[in-house]
Amino acid sequence: MTKMFNPPHPASILREDVLPALGLTVSEAARQLGVSRVALSRVLNERAGISVDLARRIEAWLGPENGGSAETWLRMQIDYDLWQSHKTRPLRRVKRAVSEAA
């Protein structure tokens, strides 16, 4: 596993880079993405993650050639979620599986 150091929430890229570069408000971006303003706002304010559905919508919206592949957005979300989980919720009482063949 690759060591990560506090990856950003992928919404920060949408909020700080994508929307300003396109000159879009949250309402207009939500309209173009086909989601509610409230749903997009929750993501942009990092109160919700990028779902598979939203990642696919971002891909269709930006195009994969412009950094918009669904896989990229989902990888960023997974990196963020794993980092947060390791940082805030250490696993306890997990017994490692032992192969019977050994």
Protein backbone atom coordinates (compact mmCIF):
# COMPACT_ATOMS: atom_id res chain seq x y z
CA MET A 1 0.00 0.00 0.00
CA THR A 2 1.30 3.43 -0.91
CA LYS A 3 1.69 5.88 1.95
CA MET A 4 -0.52 8.90 1.51
CA PHE A 5 -0.36 12.15 3.34
CA ASN A 6 -3.71 13.76 3.97
CA PRO A 7 -5.18 13.69 0.45
CA PRO A 8 -7.68 16.47 -0.27
CA HIS A 9 -11.39 15.85 -0.52
CA PRO A 10 -12.05 15.68 -4.28
CA ALA A 11 -14.75 18.33 -3.87
CA SER A 12 -12.01 20.87 -3.15
CA ILE A 13 -10.86 20.45 -6.77
CA LEU A 14 -14.38 21.05 -8.04
CA ARG A 15 -14.89 24.01 -5.69
CA GLU A 16 -11.51 25.71 -6.07
CA ASP A 17 -10.46 24.82 -9.62
CA VAL A 18 -13.23 23.50 -11.86
CA LEU A 19 -16.14 25.80 -11.06
CA PRO A 20 -14.05 29.01 -11.10
CA ALA A 21 -12.30 27.98 -14.35
CA LEU A 22 -15.69 27.44 -15.98
CA GLY A 23 -17.14 30.59 -14.40
CA LEU A 24 -20.03 28.62 -12.92
CA THR A 25 -22.12 29.10 -9.81
CA VAL A 26 -23.12 26.10 -7.72
CA SER A 27 -26.66 26.40 -9.09
CA GLU A 28 -25.52 26.42 -12.72
CA ALA A 29 -23.07 23.54 -12.18
CA ALA A 30 -25.81 21.52 -10.49
CA ARG A 31 -28.17 22.22 -13.39
CA GLN A 32 -25.54 21.12 -15.93
CA LEU A 33 -24.75 17.98 -13.92
CA GLY A 34 -28.43 17.12 -13.51
CA VAL A 35 -28.33 17.09 -9.70
CA SER A 36 -30.00 19.30 -7.11
CA ARG A 37 -28.20 22.38 -5.87
CA VAL A 38 -28.48 21.01 -2.31
CA ALA A 39 -26.85 17.70 -3.28
CA LEU A 40 -23.96 19.43 -5.07
CA SER A 41 -23.55 21.94 -2.25
CA ARG A 42 -23.25 19.08 0.29
CA VAL A 43 -20.44 17.59 -1.78
CA LEU A 44 -18.70 20.93 -2.36
CA ASN A 45 -18.84 21.67 1.37
CA GLU A 46 -17.35 18.21 2.06
CA ARG A 47 -20.41 17.00 3.93
CA ALA A 48 -20.87 14.22 1.36
CA GLY A 49 -18.55 12.26 -0.88
CA ILE A 50 -18.39 11.82 -4.61
CA SER A 51 -20.72 8.92 -5.38
CA VAL A 52 -20.45 6.60 -8.36
CA ASP A 53 -23.40 8.42 -9.93
CA LEU A 54 -21.82 11.86 -9.44
CA ALA A 55 -18.45 10.61 -10.72
CA ARG A 56 -20.14 9.37 -13.90
CA ARG A 57 -21.93 12.71 -14.27
CA ILE A 58 -18.64 14.62 -13.84
CA GLU A 59 -17.06 12.40 -16.50
CA ALA A 60 -19.89 13.14 -18.94
CA TRP A 61 -19.74 16.85 -18.02
CA LEU A 62 -15.99 17.50 -18.23
CA GLY A 63 -15.00 14.67 -20.53
CA PRO A 64 -12.32 12.14 -19.60
CA GLU A 65 -9.74 14.03 -21.66
CA ASN A 66 -10.10 17.01 -19.29
CA GLY A 67 -9.43 15.12 -16.07
CA GLY A 68 -13.00 14.07 -15.74
CA SER A 69 -12.84 10.26 -15.75
CA ALA A 70 -15.19 8.69 -13.22
CA GLU A 71 -12.38 6.40 -12.06
CA THR A 72 -10.15 9.37 -11.23
CA TRP A 73 -12.83 11.06 -9.13
CA LEU A 74 -13.66 7.80 -7.34
CA ARG A 75 -9.97 7.07 -6.64
CA MET A 76 -9.60 10.52 -5.11
CA GLN A 77 -12.67 9.90 -2.94
CA ILE A 78 -11.39 6.49 -1.84
CA ASP A 79 -7.95 7.93 -1.01
CA TYR A 80 -9.61 10.64 1.07
CA ASP A 81 -11.99 8.20 2.82
CA LEU A 82 -9.21 5.72 3.64
CA TRP A 83 -6.97 8.46 5.03
CA GLN A 84 -9.80 9.79 7.20
CA SER A 85 -10.64 6.28 8.39
CA HIS A 86 -7.03 5.48 9.34
CA LYS A 87 -6.73 8.80 11.11
CA THR A 88 -9.99 8.76 13.06
CA ARG A 89 -11.12 5.14 13.42
CA PRO A 90 -8.34 2.65 14.11
CA LEU A 91 -9.41 -0.97 13.80
CA ARG A 92 -9.59 -2.96 16.99
CA ARG A 93 -9.90 -6.66 17.67
CA VAL A 94 -9.42 -7.90 14.13
CA LYS A 95 -8.01 -11.39 14.08
CA ARG A 96 -5.87 -12.04 11.02
CA ALA A 97 -7.05 -14.91 8.85
CA VAL A 98 -4.68 -17.88 8.76
CA SER A 99 -4.50 -20.10 5.70
CA GLU A 100 -5.08 -23.79 6.45
CA ALA A 101 -2.59 -24.69 3.70
CA ALA A 102 0.28 -23.15 5.71
